[in-house]
C-alpha atoms as a PDB file:
ATOM      1  CA  MET A   1      -0.038   0.012   0.000  1.00  0.00           C
ATOM      2  CA  LYS A   2       1.162   3.470  -1.056  1.00  0.00           C
ATOM      3  CA  GLU A   3       2.066   5.722   2.212  1.00  0.00           C
ATOM      4  CA  THR A   4       0.532   9.066   1.640  1.00  0.00           C
ATOM      5  CA  HIS A   5       1.653  12.148   3.744  1.00  0.00           C
ATOM      6  CA  HIS A   6      -0.382  14.862   5.208  1.00  0.00           C
ATOM      7  CA  PHE A   7       0.684  18.210   5.312  1.00  0.00           C
ATOM      8  CA  GLY A   8       1.962  20.130   8.380  1.00  0.00           C
ATOM      9  CA  LEU A   9      -0.210  23.433   9.391  1.00  0.00           C
ATOM     10  CA  PRO A  10       0.987  26.508   7.564  1.00  0.00           C
ATOM     11  CA  VAL A  11       2.915  27.101  11.181  1.00  0.00           C
ATOM     12  CA  PRO A  12       7.032  27.360  11.468  1.00  0.00           C
ATOM     13  CA  GLY A  13       8.312  24.015  12.567  1.00  0.00           C
ATOM     14  CA  TYR A  14       5.170  21.455  11.547  1.00  0.00           C
ATOM     15  CA  ARG A  15       5.695  19.166   8.781  1.00  0.00           C
ATOM     16  CA  PRO A  16       4.018  16.889   6.537  1.00  0.00           C
ATOM     17  CA  GLN A  17       2.888  12.966   8.290  1.00  0.00           C
ATOM     18  CA  SER A  18       2.495   9.983   6.781  1.00  0.00           C
ATOM     19  CA  ASP A  19      -0.843   7.972   6.894  1.00  0.00           C
ATOM     20  CA  GLU A  20       0.923   6.122  10.107  1.00  0.00           C
ATOM     21  CA  ALA A  21       1.282   8.824  11.772  1.00  0.00           C
ATOM     22  CA  VAL A  22      -1.430  10.474  11.751  1.00  0.00           C
ATOM     23  CA  ALA A  23      -3.638   7.440  12.732  1.00  0.00           C
ATOM     24  CA  ALA A  24      -1.667   7.130  16.003  1.00  0.00           C
ATOM     25  CA  VAL A  25      -1.588  10.280  16.871  1.00  0.00           C
ATOM     26  CA  LYS A  26      -5.762  10.306  16.238  1.00  0.00           C
ATOM     27  CA  GLY A  27      -6.006   7.243  18.189  1.00  0.00           C
ATOM     28  CA  PHE A  28      -3.817   8.742  21.392  1.00  0.00           C
ATOM     29  CA  LYS A  29      -6.588  11.837  21.087  1.00  0.00           C
ATOM     30  CA  GLU A  30      -9.627   9.548  21.618  1.00  0.00           C
ATOM     31  CA  ILE A  31      -8.088   7.651  24.031  1.00  0.00           C
ATOM     32  CA  GLU A  32      -7.327  11.165  25.886  1.00  0.00           C
ATOM     33  CA  GLU A  33     -11.326  12.310  25.196  1.00  0.00           C
ATOM     34  CA  ARG A  34     -12.524   9.332  26.672  1.00  0.00           C
ATOM     35  CA  VAL A  35     -10.260   9.622  29.925  1.00  0.00           C
ATOM     36  CA  LEU A  36     -10.739  13.396  30.302  1.00  0.00           C
ATOM     37  CA  ARG A  37     -14.657  12.861  29.768  1.00  0.00           C
ATOM     38  CA  MET A  38     -14.423  10.058  32.684  1.00  0.00           C
ATOM     39  CA  LEU A  39     -12.654  12.521  35.215  1.00  0.00           C
ATOM     40  CA  ASP A  40     -15.424  15.157  33.827  1.00  0.00           C
ATOM     41  CA  ASP A  41     -18.371  12.698  35.433  1.00  0.00           C
ATOM     42  CA  LEU A  42     -15.836  11.971  38.479  1.00  0.00           C
ATOM     43  CA  ALA A  43     -15.870  15.895  39.155  1.00  0.00           C
ATOM     44  CA  VAL A  44     -19.674  16.029  39.828  1.00  0.00           C
ATOM     45  CA  SER A  45     -20.150  12.763  40.712  1.00  0.00           C
ATOM     46  CA  ASP A  46     -21.383  12.008  44.295  1.00  0.00           C
ATOM     47  CA  LEU A  47     -17.606  10.306  45.341  1.00  0.00           C
ATOM     48  CA  ALA A  48     -16.443  13.402  46.736  1.00  0.00           C
ATOM     49  CA  ALA A  49     -13.163  13.125  45.092  1.00  0.00           C
ATOM     50  CA  ASP A  50     -10.127  16.090  46.350  1.00  0.00           C
ATOM     51  CA  GLY A  51     -10.836  18.905  43.266  1.00  0.00           C
ATOM     52  CA  ARG A  52      -6.941  19.899  43.585  1.00  0.00           C
ATOM     53  CA  TRP A  53      -5.532  16.522  43.234  1.00  0.00           C
ATOM     54  CA  LEU A  54      -8.091  15.701  40.664  1.00  0.00           C
ATOM     55  CA  ALA A  55      -6.881  18.819  38.793  1.00  0.00           C
ATOM     56  CA  ILE A  56      -3.203  18.047  39.058  1.00  0.00           C
ATOM     57  CA  GLY A  57      -4.030  14.423  37.637  1.00  0.00           C
ATOM     58  CA  ARG A  58      -5.749  15.979  34.736  1.00  0.00           C
ATOM     59  CA  THR A  59      -3.184  18.167  33.886  1.00  0.00           C
ATOM     60  CA  GLN A  60      -0.507  15.517  33.773  1.00  0.00           C
ATOM     61  CA  LEU A  61      -2.388  13.049  31.735  1.00  0.00           C
ATOM     62  CA  GLU A  62      -2.879  15.883  29.437  1.00  0.00           C
ATOM     63  CA  GLN A  63       1.160  16.822  29.575  1.00  0.00           C
ATOM     64  CA  GLY A  64       1.476  12.953  28.863  1.00  0.00           C
ATOM     65  CA  PHE A  65      -0.550  12.573  25.411  1.00  0.00           C
ATOM     66  CA  MET A  66       0.854  15.757  24.678  1.00  0.00           C
ATOM     67  CA  ALA A  67       4.380  14.548  24.846  1.00  0.00           C
ATOM     68  CA  VAL A  68       3.622  11.153  23.377  1.00  0.00           C
ATOM     69  CA  ASN A  69       1.707  13.353  20.237  1.00  0.00           C
ATOM     70  CA  ARG A  70       4.691  15.082  20.300  1.00  0.00           C
ATOM     71  CA  ALA A  71       6.983  12.209  20.195  1.00  0.00           C
ATOM     72  CA  VAL A  72       4.941  11.291  17.314  1.00  0.00           C
ATOM     73  CA  PHE A  73       4.586  14.050  15.061  1.00  0.00           C
ATOM     74  CA  LYS A  74       8.069  15.626  15.980  1.00  0.00           C
ATOM     75  CA  PRO A  75       7.957  19.232  15.612  1.00  0.00           C
ATOM     76  CA  ALA A  76      11.101  21.120  14.807  1.00  0.00           C
ATOM     77  CA  ARG A  77      12.077  24.082  16.265  1.00  0.00           C
ATOM     78  CA  ALA A  78      10.846  27.088  14.532  1.00  0.00           C
ATOM     79  CA  ALA A  79      13.350  29.112  12.466  1.00  0.00           C
ATOM     80  CA  LEU A  80      13.465  33.059  12.988  1.00  0.00           C
ATOM     81  CA  PRO A  81      14.235  36.011  11.044  1.00  0.00           C
ATOM     82  CA  GLU A  82      17.511  36.316  12.343  1.00  0.00           C
ATOM     83  CA  ASP A  83      18.718  32.893  10.956  1.00  0.00           C
ATOM     84  CA  GLY A  84      19.411  34.192   7.379  1.00  0.00           C
ATOM     85  CA  GLY A  85      16.877  31.217   6.540  1.00  0.00           C
ATOM     86  CA  SER A  86      12.942  32.244   5.289  1.00  0.00           C
END
């Protein structure tokens, strides 16, 4: 099967991505959304979870998923005008 590439955002540092990379990140985003919805439900449940720790856990999970997605997409550093490039 021929691999296609998805063009990156028109933002410095973003680059084209393979079908495999896009599929992996879509999968991670779906898992992340399911976990975040579980946390939303927990926040309004009768369980009386500690809101501070719940917020810390949510932030850590969001950071973890973001790190995994960056590991797959491997964004580059952005060039600046003073670098002499465009």
